[in-house]
Amino acid sequence: MTCQELRACLGAHLDGELDLSLSLAADEHLAFCVGCQWAYARERELRTLVRTRFPREGAPAALGERIRGALARAARGPRIGAPRRWFYWAAPAAALVLIAVGVGLWQRSAPPPVVRELVAKHAMYSRLDAPAEIVSASQEAVAGWFKGKVRFDVAVPDFSPSGIRLVGGRLADLSDRQVAYLLYEKGRNLVSLFAFPSRGLALPSGEGASGGDERFYVAKVNGAEVVIWTQGPLAYALVSSLDRESLLECADTVWRLVGSRTPPGA
């Protein structure tokens, strides 16, 4: 099993979903590959953090009340004189439709998995005393550090006019791809900027930004503001406990920086 094959099935291996032969091959690879051991440990740590800090959300209370009400009306039986033959299947069917519609609406309102994973990574690294692999306030030094480590150019924006200073950078991962992770801070607030290839990744479309700006998808997940967008072959995500307007200003700064580096017609 190669490193790429292991990274692709890492989640299934941690969940115990691989068949015996693949599980043994993964264990054999992990026994000698230090890089994959590191990825395995990080993924396991991330999953533990998600379970402890971000418990699974239940369906909305209002939905439960509507379902119970529909079932109660079905149990009381039809009105006197009403046709009875169809009632016994029509009422439960209506309740099932209500459940399906309600759960569907609830699922669509939940943030996409990629958003939840980025928020979890932000939360995990915000708890570390020294989360950056390169510590530097120099944009050039941080951008240079990523060369040869990721297969794309890393744009390092300057947020200092907004009082947000560059701390450094590190490598991270998202599903099966490498991520360039830039760390900034304002006061005690960590600002995470992730850059990663967007191809093949289910990303949310732009919606909800103030002023009707459809470039960006914005959401609030577990107390953190999230701004995500795609630009060329890369996707970018900002995550922080700063207010939404501040984060959108940062997103616009990144947008203009990346746009200025993109050759015309690219």
Protein backbone atom coordinates (compact mmCIF):
# COMPACT_ATOMS: atom_id res chain seq x y z
CA MET A 1 0.00 0.00 0.00
CA THR A 2 1.40 3.39 -1.02
CA CYS A 3 1.20 6.60 0.98
CA GLN A 4 -1.46 7.98 -1.37
CA GLU A 5 -3.57 4.84 -1.04
CA LEU A 6 -3.28 4.93 2.74
CA ARG A 7 -4.27 8.62 2.95
CA ALA A 8 -7.33 7.87 0.78
CA CYS A 9 -8.61 5.19 3.17
CA LEU A 10 -7.30 6.64 6.44
CA GLY A 11 -10.75 7.59 7.71
CA ALA A 12 -12.19 4.16 6.90
CA HIS A 13 -9.24 2.52 8.68
CA LEU A 14 -9.81 4.59 11.81
CA ASP A 15 -13.52 3.72 11.69
CA GLY A 16 -12.79 0.00 11.32
CA GLU A 17 -14.55 -0.14 7.95
CA LEU A 18 -11.74 -1.73 5.87
CA ASP A 19 -11.81 -5.42 5.05
CA LEU A 20 -9.17 -7.64 6.66
CA SER A 21 -6.66 -7.57 3.78
CA LEU A 22 -6.74 -3.78 3.41
CA SER A 23 -6.60 -3.27 7.17
CA LEU A 24 -3.50 -5.48 7.41
CA ALA A 25 -1.90 -3.66 4.47
CA ALA A 26 -2.58 -0.30 6.15
CA ASP A 27 -1.09 -1.51 9.45
CA GLU A 28 1.99 -2.84 7.63
CA HIS A 29 2.50 0.51 5.89
CA LEU A 30 2.02 2.46 9.12
CA ALA A 31 4.66 0.30 10.81
CA PHE A 32 7.48 1.84 8.76
CA CYS A 33 6.18 5.11 7.24
CA VAL A 34 6.81 8.02 9.62
CA GLY A 35 4.88 10.52 7.46
CA CYS A 36 1.75 8.39 7.45
CA GLN A 37 2.13 7.70 11.18
CA TRP A 38 2.03 11.48 11.68
CA ALA A 39 -1.05 11.82 9.45
CA TYR A 40 -2.74 8.92 11.28
CA ALA A 41 -2.05 10.46 14.69
CA ARG A 42 -3.34 13.89 13.60
CA GLU A 43 -6.51 12.41 12.13
CA ARG A 44 -7.15 10.39 15.29
CA GLU A 45 -6.55 13.48 17.45
CA LEU A 46 -8.88 15.52 15.27
CA ARG A 47 -11.66 12.94 15.51
CA THR A 48 -11.31 12.81 19.29
CA LEU A 49 -11.52 16.59 19.45
CA VAL A 50 -14.60 16.68 17.21
CA ARG A 51 -16.38 14.10 19.38
CA THR A 52 -15.61 15.93 22.63
CA ARG A 53 -16.01 19.57 21.55
CA PHE A 54 -18.59 19.31 18.79
CA PRO A 55 -21.23 16.77 19.81
CA ARG A 56 -23.70 15.57 17.20
CA GLU A 57 -26.64 17.93 16.97
CA GLY A 58 -30.14 16.56 17.29
CA ALA A 59 -33.10 17.48 15.14
CA PRO A 60 -34.77 20.81 16.03
CA ALA A 61 -37.29 20.65 18.89
CA ALA A 62 -39.99 22.20 16.70
CA LEU A 63 -39.68 19.33 14.23
CA GLY A 64 -40.16 16.80 17.02
CA GLU A 65 -43.29 18.62 18.20
CA ARG A 66 -44.78 18.58 14.69
CA ILE A 67 -44.09 14.86 14.30
CA ARG A 68 -45.62 14.03 17.69
CA GLY A 69 -48.65 16.13 16.84
CA ALA A 70 -49.15 14.34 13.52
CA LEU A 71 -48.86 10.93 15.21
CA ALA A 72 -51.29 11.96 17.95
CA ARG A 73 -53.86 13.06 15.38
CA ALA A 74 -53.44 9.75 13.58
CA ALA A 75 -53.99 7.83 16.84
CA ARG A 76 -57.28 9.66 17.57
CA GLY A 77 -58.82 8.20 14.41
CA PRO A 78 -60.98 9.80 11.69
CA ARG A 79 -63.86 12.18 12.21
CA ILE A 80 -67.34 10.66 12.47
CA GLY A 81 -68.81 10.07 9.04
CA ALA A 82 -65.47 10.45 7.24
CA PRO A 83 -64.29 7.66 4.93
CA ARG A 84 -62.39 5.17 7.07
CA ARG A 85 -60.73 2.74 4.69
CA TRP A 86 -57.97 5.03 3.47
CA PHE A 87 -57.41 6.82 6.76
CA TYR A 88 -55.40 4.07 8.38
CA TRP A 89 -52.64 4.33 5.80
CA ALA A 90 -53.07 7.99 4.80
CA ALA A 91 -52.37 9.45 8.25
CA PRO A 92 -49.17 7.48 8.90
CA ALA A 93 -48.05 8.22 5.34
CA ALA A 94 -48.59 11.92 5.92
CA ALA A 95 -46.55 11.71 9.13
CA LEU A 96 -43.71 9.98 7.27
CA VAL A 97 -43.76 12.66 4.59
CA LEU A 98 -43.58 15.32 7.30
CA ILE A 99 -40.62 13.53 8.89
CA ALA A 100 -38.80 13.22 5.56
CA VAL A 101 -39.38 16.86 4.65
CA GLY A 102 -38.37 18.09 8.09
CA VAL A 103 -35.20 16.01 8.27
CA GLY A 104 -34.31 17.05 4.72
CA LEU A 105 -34.66 20.71 5.58
CA TRP A 106 -32.61 20.24 8.72
CA GLN A 107 -29.82 18.45 6.84
CA ARG A 108 -29.71 21.14 4.16
CA SER A 109 -29.39 23.83 6.83
CA ALA A 110 -26.44 22.04 8.47
CA PRO A 111 -22.95 23.16 7.35
CA PRO A 112 -21.24 20.89 4.78
CA PRO A 113 -18.70 18.37 6.10
CA VAL A 114 -15.75 20.34 4.72
CA VAL A 115 -16.85 23.38 6.72
CA ARG A 116 -17.16 21.38 9.94
CA GLU A 117 -13.72 19.84 9.37
CA LEU A 118 -12.09 23.23 8.85
CA VAL A 119 -13.71 24.61 12.00
CA ALA A 120 -12.51 21.55 13.94
CA LYS A 121 -8.95 22.07 12.69
CA HIS A 122 -9.08 25.75 13.65
CA ALA A 123 -10.31 24.80 17.12
CA MET A 124 -7.64 22.13 17.53
CA TYR A 125 -4.74 24.40 16.55
CA SER A 126 -6.08 27.30 18.61
CA ARG A 127 -5.53 25.14 21.70
CA LEU A 128 -1.84 24.58 20.97
CA ASP A 129 0.78 26.86 22.49
CA ALA A 130 2.90 26.77 19.31
CA PRO A 131 0.72 25.73 16.37
CA ALA A 132 2.97 27.10 13.59
CA GLU A 133 5.75 25.03 12.01
CA ILE A 134 7.40 28.21 10.77
CA VAL A 135 7.13 31.22 13.07
CA SER A 136 7.69 34.47 11.20
CA ALA A 137 5.98 37.80 10.61
CA SER A 138 7.62 38.02 7.16
CA GLN A 139 5.28 37.30 4.27
CA GLU A 140 8.22 36.43 2.03
CA ALA A 141 9.73 34.00 4.55
CA VAL A 142 6.43 32.19 5.12
CA ALA A 143 5.64 31.98 1.40
CA GLY A 144 9.16 30.67 0.73
CA TRP A 145 8.83 28.00 3.41
CA PHE A 146 5.89 26.43 1.56
CA LYS A 147 7.83 26.10 -1.72
CA GLY A 148 8.48 22.43 -2.40
CA LYS A 149 6.10 21.40 0.39
CA VAL A 150 2.85 21.98 -1.52
CA ARG A 151 2.17 21.84 -5.25
CA PHE A 152 0.84 25.36 -5.56
CA ASP A 153 2.01 28.89 -4.89
CA VAL A 154 0.95 30.20 -1.50
CA ALA A 155 -0.19 33.81 -1.37
CA VAL A 156 0.48 35.32 2.06
CA PRO A 157 -1.73 38.39 2.52
CA ASP A 158 -1.05 41.37 4.74
CA PHE A 159 -3.87 41.97 7.24
CA SER A 160 -1.87 44.41 9.38
CA PRO A 161 -4.00 47.46 8.37
CA SER A 162 -6.83 45.70 10.24
CA GLY A 163 -4.64 45.03 13.28
CA ILE A 164 -4.20 41.34 12.40
CA ARG A 165 -0.58 40.16 12.48
CA LEU A 166 1.01 37.19 10.73
CA VAL A 167 2.19 34.47 13.13
CA GLY A 168 3.48 31.88 10.66
CA GLY A 169 2.36 28.80 8.78
CA ARG A 170 2.18 25.03 8.79
CA LEU A 171 1.09 22.08 6.70
CA ALA A 172 -2.29 20.53 7.31
CA ASP A 173 -4.55 18.14 5.43
CA LEU A 174 -8.17 18.08 4.34
CA SER A 175 -9.60 14.76 3.18
CA ASP A 176 -6.99 13.53 0.68
CA ARG A 177 -5.15 16.77 -0.03
CA GLN A 178 -2.45 18.94 1.46
CA VAL A 179 -3.38 22.32 2.88
CA ALA A 180 -1.26 25.43 3.31
CA TYR A 181 -2.35 26.80 6.67
CA LEU A 182 -1.50 30.42 7.51
CA LEU A 183 -1.93 31.59 11.09
CA TYR A 184 -2.69 35.15 12.13
CA GLU A 185 -3.83 36.68 15.38
CA LYS A 186 -5.59 39.74 16.65
CA GLY A 187 -5.28 40.06 20.38
CA ARG A 188 -6.06 36.59 21.69
CA ASN A 189 -8.09 35.62 18.61
CA LEU A 190 -6.57 33.17 16.14
CA VAL A 191 -7.37 33.81 12.47
CA SER A 192 -6.89 30.72 10.30
CA LEU A 193 -6.43 30.99 6.54
CA PHE A 194 -6.49 27.67 4.66
CA ALA A 195 -5.53 27.29 0.98
CA PHE A 196 -5.99 23.98 -0.85
CA PRO A 197 -6.79 22.52 -4.29
CA SER A 198 -10.54 22.64 -4.90
CA ARG A 199 -10.79 19.98 -7.61
CA GLY A 200 -13.00 17.05 -6.65
CA LEU A 201 -14.03 18.58 -3.33
CA ALA A 202 -17.68 19.33 -2.54
CA LEU A 203 -17.55 22.98 -1.56
CA PRO A 204 -20.48 25.23 -0.64
CA SER A 205 -21.46 27.97 -3.07
CA GLY A 206 -21.35 31.66 -2.21
CA GLU A 207 -24.30 32.81 -0.17
CA GLY A 208 -25.20 34.90 2.81
CA ALA A 209 -22.49 37.52 2.67
CA SER A 210 -23.49 41.01 3.67
CA GLY A 211 -24.18 43.31 0.76
CA GLY A 212 -25.13 40.37 -1.44
CA ASP A 213 -21.51 39.48 -2.29
CA GLU A 214 -21.84 36.07 -3.92
CA ARG A 215 -18.08 35.45 -4.10
CA PHE A 216 -18.08 34.06 -0.58
CA TYR A 217 -19.93 31.39 1.37
CA VAL A 218 -20.34 32.51 4.98
CA ALA A 219 -21.57 30.61 8.01
CA LYS A 220 -21.27 30.46 11.76
CA VAL A 221 -20.38 27.04 13.13
CA ASN A 222 -19.87 26.31 16.83
CA GLY A 223 -19.22 29.97 17.57
CA ALA A 224 -16.68 30.47 14.77
CA GLU A 225 -17.25 32.58 11.67
CA VAL A 226 -16.34 30.87 8.39
CA VAL A 227 -15.77 32.40 4.93
CA ILE A 228 -15.02 30.04 2.00
CA TRP A 229 -14.54 30.69 -1.70
CA THR A 230 -12.84 29.30 -4.78
CA GLN A 231 -10.47 31.29 -6.96
CA GLY A 232 -8.83 29.56 -9.90
CA PRO A 233 -7.76 26.00 -9.01
CA LEU A 234 -7.61 26.74 -5.28
CA ALA A 235 -10.12 27.12 -2.50
CA TYR A 236 -9.61 29.45 0.44
CA ALA A 237 -11.19 29.42 3.89
CA LEU A 238 -10.98 31.89 6.75
CA VAL A 239 -12.04 30.75 10.22
CA SER A 240 -12.02 32.89 13.36
CA SER A 241 -14.03 34.09 16.33
CA LEU A 242 -13.67 37.63 14.95
CA ASP A 243 -16.86 39.27 13.71
CA ARG A 244 -18.12 38.46 10.23
CA GLU A 245 -17.44 41.88 8.75
CA SER A 246 -13.78 41.73 9.79
CA LEU A 247 -13.42 38.30 8.26
CA LEU A 248 -15.06 39.42 5.01
CA GLU A 249 -12.59 42.31 4.83
CA CYS A 250 -9.78 39.77 5.12
CA ALA A 251 -11.40 37.61 2.43
CA ASP A 252 -11.55 40.59 0.09
CA THR A 253 -7.86 41.27 0.75
CA VAL A 254 -6.99 37.69 -0.19
CA TRP A 255 -9.22 37.87 -3.26
CA ARG A 256 -7.46 40.99 -4.54
CA LEU A 257 -4.00 39.58 -3.79
CA VAL A 258 -4.67 36.28 -5.57
CA GLY A 259 -6.28 38.13 -8.49
CA SER A 260 -3.23 40.34 -8.90
CA ARG A 261 -0.98 37.25 -9.11
CA THR A 262 -3.13 35.43 -11.69
CA PRO A 263 -1.95 35.90 -15.29
CA PRO A 264 -4.57 37.47 -17.62
CA GLY A 265 -6.76 34.85 -19.23
CA ALA A 266 -5.75 32.17 -16.74
